[in-house]
Amino acid sequence: IVDPPVQIPTGDKDLDRAALVSLKKF
């Protein structure tokens, strides 16, 4: 994946971090 992705964040650091972890798994 080319960094950085375009992200529509949640505004919650924990939720955004969990989403990035799942993206790395993908």
PDB file of all heavy atoms in Angstrom:
ATOM      1  N   ILE A   1       0.843  -1.188   0.000  1.00  0.00           N
ATOM      2  CA  ILE A   1       0.000   0.000   0.000  1.00  0.00           C
ATOM      3  C   ILE A   1       0.882   1.243   0.000  1.00  0.00           C
ATOM      4  O   ILE A   1       1.846   1.331   0.769  1.00  0.00           O
ATOM      5  CB  ILE A   1      -0.945   0.014   1.215  1.00  0.00           C
ATOM      6  CG1 ILE A   1      -1.999  -1.087   1.065  1.00  0.00           C
ATOM      7  CG2 ILE A   1      -1.610   1.372   1.388  1.00  0.00           C
ATOM      8  CD1 ILE A   1      -2.943  -1.214   2.244  1.00  0.00           C
ATOM      9  N   VAL A   2       0.546   2.207  -0.859  1.00  0.00           N
ATOM     10  CA  VAL A   2       1.234   3.497  -0.869  1.00  0.00           C
ATOM     11  C   VAL A   2       0.752   4.269   0.353  1.00  0.00           C
ATOM     12  O   VAL A   2      -0.446   4.393   0.597  1.00  0.00           O
ATOM     13  CB  VAL A   2       0.909   4.288  -2.160  1.00  0.00           C
ATOM     14  CG1 VAL A   2       1.565   5.660  -2.113  1.00  0.00           C
ATOM     15  CG2 VAL A   2       1.358   3.525  -3.397  1.00  0.00           C
ATOM     16  N   ASP A   3       1.700   4.780   1.114  1.00  0.00           N
ATOM     17  CA  ASP A   3       1.358   5.539   2.312  1.00  0.00           C
ATOM     18  C   ASP A   3       1.369   7.018   1.998  1.00  0.00           C
ATOM     19  O   ASP A   3       2.244   7.460   1.259  1.00  0.00           O
ATOM     20  CB  ASP A   3       2.391   5.237   3.401  1.00  0.00           C
ATOM     21  CG  ASP A   3       1.768   4.869   4.728  1.00  0.00           C
ATOM     22  OD1 ASP A   3       0.556   4.682   4.779  1.00  0.00           O
ATOM     23  OD2 ASP A   3       2.513   4.787   5.707  1.00  0.00           O
ATOM     24  N   PRO A   4       0.489   7.793   2.504  1.00  0.00           N
ATOM     25  CA  PRO A   4      -0.607   7.429   3.387  1.00  0.00           C
ATOM     26  C   PRO A   4      -1.882   7.145   2.586  1.00  0.00           C
ATOM     27  O   PRO A   4      -2.038   7.648   1.480  1.00  0.00           O
ATOM     28  CB  PRO A   4      -0.793   8.712   4.222  1.00  0.00           C
ATOM     29  CG  PRO A   4      -0.489   9.812   3.256  1.00  0.00           C
ATOM     30  CD  PRO A   4       0.617   9.251   2.369  1.00  0.00           C
ATOM     31  N   PRO A   5      -2.798   6.378   3.153  1.00  0.00           N
ATOM     32  CA  PRO A   5      -4.102   6.218   2.505  1.00  0.00           C
ATOM     33  C   PRO A   5      -4.945   7.469   2.755  1.00  0.00           C
ATOM     34  O   PRO A   5      -4.622   8.267   3.628  1.00  0.00           O
ATOM     35  CB  PRO A   5      -4.709   5.010   3.227  1.00  0.00           C
ATOM     36  CG  PRO A   5      -4.071   5.029   4.576  1.00  0.00           C
ATOM     37  CD  PRO A   5      -2.686   5.596   4.380  1.00  0.00           C
ATOM     38  N   VAL A   6      -6.000   7.623   1.971  1.00  0.00           N
ATOM     39  CA  VAL A   6      -6.979   8.657   2.295  1.00  0.00           C
ATOM     40  C   VAL A   6      -7.909   8.032   3.319  1.00  0.00           C
ATOM     41  O   VAL A   6      -8.419   6.933   3.110  1.00  0.00           O
ATOM     42  CB  VAL A   6      -7.784   9.100   1.051  1.00  0.00           C
ATOM     43  CG1 VAL A   6      -9.013   9.893   1.456  1.00  0.00           C
ATOM     44  CG2 VAL A   6      -6.924   9.952   0.147  1.00  0.00           C
ATOM     45  N   GLN A   7      -8.096   8.716   4.425  1.00  0.00           N
ATOM     46  CA  GLN A   7      -8.921   8.171   5.500  1.00  0.00           C
ATOM     47  C   GLN A   7      -9.991   9.167   5.894  1.00  0.00           C
ATOM     48  O   GLN A   7      -9.719  10.357   6.030  1.00  0.00           O
ATOM     49  CB  GLN A   7      -8.055   7.847   6.725  1.00  0.00           C
ATOM     50  CG  GLN A   7      -8.841   7.298   7.891  1.00  0.00           C
ATOM     51  CD  GLN A   7      -7.971   7.046   9.106  1.00  0.00           C
ATOM     52  OE1 GLN A   7      -6.826   7.448   9.182  1.00  0.00           O
ATOM     53  NE2 GLN A   7      -8.538   6.377  10.090  1.00  0.00           N
ATOM     54  N   ILE A   8     -11.200   8.661   6.047  1.00  0.00           N
ATOM     55  CA  ILE A   8     -12.257   9.438   6.690  1.00  0.00           C
ATOM     56  C   ILE A   8     -12.265   8.943   8.133  1.00  0.00           C
ATOM     57  O   ILE A   8     -12.772   7.866   8.423  1.00  0.00           O
ATOM     58  CB  ILE A   8     -13.635   9.228   6.034  1.00  0.00           C
ATOM     59  CG1 ILE A   8     -13.606   9.688   4.586  1.00  0.00           C
ATOM     60  CG2 ILE A   8     -14.714   9.970   6.821  1.00  0.00           C
ATOM     61  CD1 ILE A   8     -14.916   9.488   3.849  1.00  0.00           C
ATOM     62  N   PRO A   9     -11.616   9.685   9.035  1.00  0.00           N
ATOM     63  CA  PRO A   9     -11.480   9.205  10.416  1.00  0.00           C
ATOM     64  C   PRO A   9     -12.764   9.370  11.225  1.00  0.00           C
ATOM     65  O   PRO A   9     -13.652  10.145  10.872  1.00  0.00           O
ATOM     66  CB  PRO A   9     -10.367  10.080  10.988  1.00  0.00           C
ATOM     67  CG  PRO A   9     -10.401  11.321  10.181  1.00  0.00           C
ATOM     68  CD  PRO A   9     -10.907  10.937   8.816  1.00  0.00           C
ATOM     69  N   THR A  10     -12.824   8.627  12.319  1.00  0.00           N
ATOM     70  CA  THR A  10     -13.987   8.678  13.202  1.00  0.00           C
ATOM     71  C   THR A  10     -13.915   9.849  14.160  1.00  0.00           C
ATOM     72  O   THR A  10     -14.923  10.263  14.695  1.00  0.00           O
ATOM     73  CB  THR A  10     -14.073   7.395  14.045  1.00  0.00           C
ATOM     74  OG1 THR A  10     -12.927   7.352  14.907  1.00  0.00           O
ATOM     75  CG2 THR A  10     -14.148   6.158  13.192  1.00  0.00           C
ATOM     76  N   GLY A  11     -12.701  10.338  14.417  1.00  0.00           N
ATOM     77  CA  GLY A  11     -12.531  11.362  15.439  1.00  0.00           C
ATOM     78  C   GLY A  11     -12.211  10.759  16.795  1.00  0.00           C
ATOM     79  O   GLY A  11     -11.973  11.463  17.759  1.00  0.00           O
ATOM     80  N   ASP A  12     -12.203   9.425  16.872  1.00  0.00           N
ATOM     81  CA  ASP A  12     -11.872   8.711  18.102  1.00  0.00           C
ATOM     82  C   ASP A  12     -10.559   7.964  17.856  1.00  0.00           C
ATOM     83  O   ASP A  12     -10.478   7.122  16.962  1.00  0.00           O
ATOM     84  CB  ASP A  12     -12.990   7.726  18.457  1.00  0.00           C
ATOM     85  CG  ASP A  12     -12.711   6.976  19.737  1.00  0.00           C
ATOM     86  OD1 ASP A  12     -11.855   6.059  19.719  1.00  0.00           O
ATOM     87  OD2 ASP A  12     -13.348   7.290  20.757  1.00  0.00           O
ATOM     88  N   LYS A  13      -9.535   8.273  18.643  1.00  0.00           N
ATOM     89  CA  LYS A  13      -8.209   7.696  18.405  1.00  0.00           C
ATOM     90  C   LYS A  13      -8.210   6.177  18.461  1.00  0.00           C
ATOM     91  O   LYS A  13      -7.551   5.517  17.654  1.00  0.00           O
ATOM     92  CB  LYS A  13      -7.201   8.261  19.401  1.00  0.00           C
ATOM     93  CG  LYS A  13      -6.857   9.707  19.152  1.00  0.00           C
ATOM     94  CD  LYS A  13      -5.875  10.222  20.171  1.00  0.00           C
ATOM     95  CE  LYS A  13      -5.631  11.711  19.933  1.00  0.00           C
ATOM     96  NZ  LYS A  13      -4.738  12.286  20.919  1.00  0.00           N
ATOM     97  N   ASP A  14      -8.942   5.591  19.413  1.00  0.00           N
ATOM     98  CA  ASP A  14      -8.967   4.131  19.536  1.00  0.00           C
ATOM     99  C   ASP A  14      -9.622   3.475  18.322  1.00  0.00           C
ATOM    100  O   ASP A  14      -9.139   2.467  17.811  1.00  0.00           O
ATOM    101  CB  ASP A  14      -9.686   3.702  20.816  1.00  0.00           C
ATOM    102  CG  ASP A  14      -8.906   4.077  22.072  1.00  0.00           C
ATOM    103  OD1 ASP A  14      -7.666   4.147  22.001  1.00  0.00           O
ATOM    104  OD2 ASP A  14      -9.548   4.298  23.116  1.00  0.00           O
ATOM    105  N   LEU A  15     -10.732   4.043  17.863  1.00  0.00           N
ATOM    106  CA  LEU A  15     -11.422   3.488  16.689  1.00  0.00           C
ATOM    107  C   LEU A  15     -10.551   3.632  15.438  1.00  0.00           C
ATOM    108  O   LEU A  15     -10.432   2.691  14.643  1.00  0.00           O
ATOM    109  CB  LEU A  15     -12.766   4.178  16.470  1.00  0.00           C
ATOM    110  CG  LEU A  15     -13.841   3.962  17.533  1.00  0.00           C
ATOM    111  CD1 LEU A  15     -15.099   4.765  17.188  1.00  0.00           C
ATOM    112  CD2 LEU A  15     -14.175   2.497  17.700  1.00  0.00           C
ATOM    113  N   ASP A  16      -9.931   4.801  15.268  1.00  0.00           N
ATOM    114  CA  ASP A  16      -9.081   5.025  14.097  1.00  0.00           C
ATOM    115  C   ASP A  16      -7.867   4.088  14.109  1.00  0.00           C
ATOM    116  O   ASP A  16      -7.485   3.534  13.078  1.00  0.00           O
ATOM    117  CB  ASP A  16      -8.628   6.482  14.021  1.00  0.00           C
ATOM    118  CG  ASP A  16      -9.773   7.426  13.698  1.00  0.00           C
ATOM    119  OD1 ASP A  16     -10.807   6.963  13.181  1.00  0.00           O
ATOM    120  OD2 ASP A  16      -9.628   8.637  13.953  1.00  0.00           O
ATOM    121  N   ARG A  17      -7.274   3.886  15.280  1.00  0.00           N
ATOM    122  CA  ARG A  17      -6.120   2.989  15.397  1.00  0.00           C
ATOM    123  C   ARG A  17      -6.526   1.555  15.047  1.00  0.00           C
ATOM    124  O   ARG A  17      -5.811   0.857  14.322  1.00  0.00           O
ATOM    125  CB  ARG A  17      -5.551   3.052  16.817  1.00  0.00           C
ATOM    126  CG  ARG A  17      -4.209   2.381  16.964  1.00  0.00           C
ATOM    127  CD  ARG A  17      -3.576   2.599  18.345  1.00  0.00           C
ATOM    128  NE  ARG A  17      -3.580   3.995  18.734  1.00  0.00           N
ATOM    129  CZ  ARG A  17      -4.188   4.486  19.829  1.00  0.00           C
ATOM    130  NH1 ARG A  17      -4.802   3.681  20.654  1.00  0.00           N
ATOM    131  NH2 ARG A  17      -4.162   5.766  20.110  1.00  0.00           N
ATOM    132  N   ALA A  18      -7.689   1.107  15.526  1.00  0.00           N
ATOM    133  CA  ALA A  18      -8.166  -0.243  15.223  1.00  0.00           C
ATOM    134  C   ALA A  18      -8.415  -0.404  13.724  1.00  0.00           C
ATOM    135  O   ALA A  18      -8.111  -1.454  13.142  1.00  0.00           O
ATOM    136  CB  ALA A  18      -9.445  -0.542  16.007  1.00  0.00           C
ATOM    137  N   ALA A  19      -8.938   0.638  13.083  1.00  0.00           N
ATOM    138  CA  ALA A  19      -9.175   0.580  11.632  1.00  0.00           C
ATOM    139  C   ALA A  19      -7.856   0.472  10.876  1.00  0.00           C
ATOM    140  O   ALA A  19      -7.748  -0.308   9.914  1.00  0.00           O
ATOM    141  CB  ALA A  19      -9.964   1.807  11.182  1.00  0.00           C
ATOM    142  N   LEU A  20      -6.841   1.213  11.293  1.00  0.00           N
ATOM    143  CA  LEU A  20      -5.526   1.136  10.641  1.00  0.00           C
ATOM    144  C   LEU A  20      -4.894  -0.241  10.818  1.00  0.00           C
ATOM    145  O   LEU A  20      -4.257  -0.767   9.897  1.00  0.00           O
ATOM    146  CB  LEU A  20      -4.591   2.220  11.183  1.00  0.00           C
ATOM    147  CG  LEU A  20      -4.875   3.628  10.668  1.00  0.00           C
ATOM    148  CD1 LEU A  20      -4.100   4.672  11.467  1.00  0.00           C
ATOM    149  CD2 LEU A  20      -4.550   3.740   9.185  1.00  0.00           C
ATOM    150  N   VAL A  21      -5.083  -0.861  11.976  1.00  0.00           N
ATOM    151  CA  VAL A  21      -4.558  -2.214  12.213  1.00  0.00           C
ATOM    152  C   VAL A  21      -5.218  -3.195  11.244  1.00  0.00           C
ATOM    153  O   VAL A  21      -4.550  -4.034  10.638  1.00  0.00           O
ATOM    154  CB  VAL A  21      -4.781  -2.646  13.684  1.00  0.00           C
ATOM    155  CG1 VAL A  21      -4.565  -4.134  13.872  1.00  0.00           C
ATOM    156  CG2 VAL A  21      -3.863  -1.850  14.606  1.00  0.00           C
ATOM    157  N   SER A  22      -6.528  -3.074  11.042  1.00  0.00           N
ATOM    158  CA  SER A  22      -7.223  -3.958  10.105  1.00  0.00           C
ATOM    159  C   SER A  22      -6.761  -3.716   8.674  1.00  0.00           C
ATOM    160  O   SER A  22      -6.654  -4.656   7.889  1.00  0.00           O
ATOM    161  CB  SER A  22      -8.739  -3.775  10.204  1.00  0.00           C
ATOM    162  OG  SER A  22      -9.204  -4.319  11.414  1.00  0.00           O
ATOM    163  N   LEU A  23      -6.481  -2.478   8.343  1.00  0.00           N
ATOM    164  CA  LEU A  23      -5.980  -2.172   7.002  1.00  0.00           C
ATOM    165  C   LEU A  23      -4.606  -2.820   6.788  1.00  0.00           C
ATOM    166  O   LEU A  23      -4.330  -3.360   5.714  1.00  0.00           O
ATOM    167  CB  LEU A  23      -5.901  -0.657   6.803  1.00  0.00           C
ATOM    168  CG  LEU A  23      -5.541  -0.197   5.400  1.00  0.00           C
ATOM    169  CD1 LEU A  23      -6.597  -0.640   4.396  1.00  0.00           C
ATOM    170  CD2 LEU A  23      -5.400   1.317   5.370  1.00  0.00           C
ATOM    171  N   LYS A  24      -3.766  -2.816   7.815  1.00  0.00           N
ATOM    172  CA  LYS A  24      -2.448  -3.463   7.719  1.00  0.00           C
ATOM    173  C   LYS A  24      -2.608  -4.976   7.546  1.00  0.00           C
ATOM    174  O   LYS A  24      -1.838  -5.613   6.818  1.00  0.00           O
ATOM    175  CB  LYS A  24      -1.583  -3.157   8.947  1.00  0.00           C
ATOM    176  CG  LYS A  24      -1.109  -1.724   8.991  1.00  0.00           C
ATOM    177  CD  LYS A  24      -0.156  -1.430   7.849  1.00  0.00           C
ATOM    178  CE  LYS A  24       0.357  -0.014   7.908  1.00  0.00           C
ATOM    179  NZ  LYS A  24       1.100   0.363   6.720  1.00  0.00           N
ATOM    180  N   LYS A  25      -3.601  -5.568   8.205  1.00  0.00           N
ATOM    181  CA  LYS A  25      -3.863  -7.003   8.026  1.00  0.00           C
ATOM    182  C   LYS A  25      -4.268  -7.281   6.582  1.00  0.00           C
ATOM    183  O   LYS A  25      -3.847  -8.280   5.996  1.00  0.00           O
ATOM    184  CB  LYS A  25      -4.953  -7.480   8.983  1.00  0.00           C
ATOM    185  CG  LYS A  25      -4.495  -7.579  10.412  1.00  0.00           C
ATOM    186  CD  LYS A  25      -5.624  -8.037  11.307  1.00  0.00           C
ATOM    187  CE  LYS A  25      -5.240  -7.980  12.767  1.00  0.00           C
ATOM    188  NZ  LYS A  25      -6.359  -8.294  13.653  1.00  0.00           N
ATOM    189  N   PHE A  26      -5.097  -6.399   6.006  1.00  0.00           N
ATOM    190  CA  PHE A  26      -5.487  -6.550   4.608  1.00  0.00           C
ATOM    191  C   PHE A  26      -4.247  -6.514   3.721  1.00  0.00           C
ATOM    192  O   PHE A  26      -4.078  -7.350   2.830  1.00  0.00           O
ATOM    193  CB  PHE A  26      -6.477  -5.448   4.208  1.00  0.00           C
ATOM    194  CG  PHE A  26      -6.697  -5.357   2.726  1.00  0.00           C
ATOM    195  CD1 PHE A  26      -7.541  -6.233   2.073  1.00  0.00           C
ATOM    196  CD2 PHE A  26      -6.037  -4.387   1.968  1.00  0.00           C
ATOM    197  CE1 PHE A  26      -7.739  -6.161   0.697  1.00  0.00           C
ATOM    198  CE2 PHE A  26      -6.217  -4.306   0.604  1.00  0.00           C
ATOM    199  CZ  PHE A  26      -7.069  -5.197  -0.030  1.00  0.00           C
TER     200      PHE A  26
END
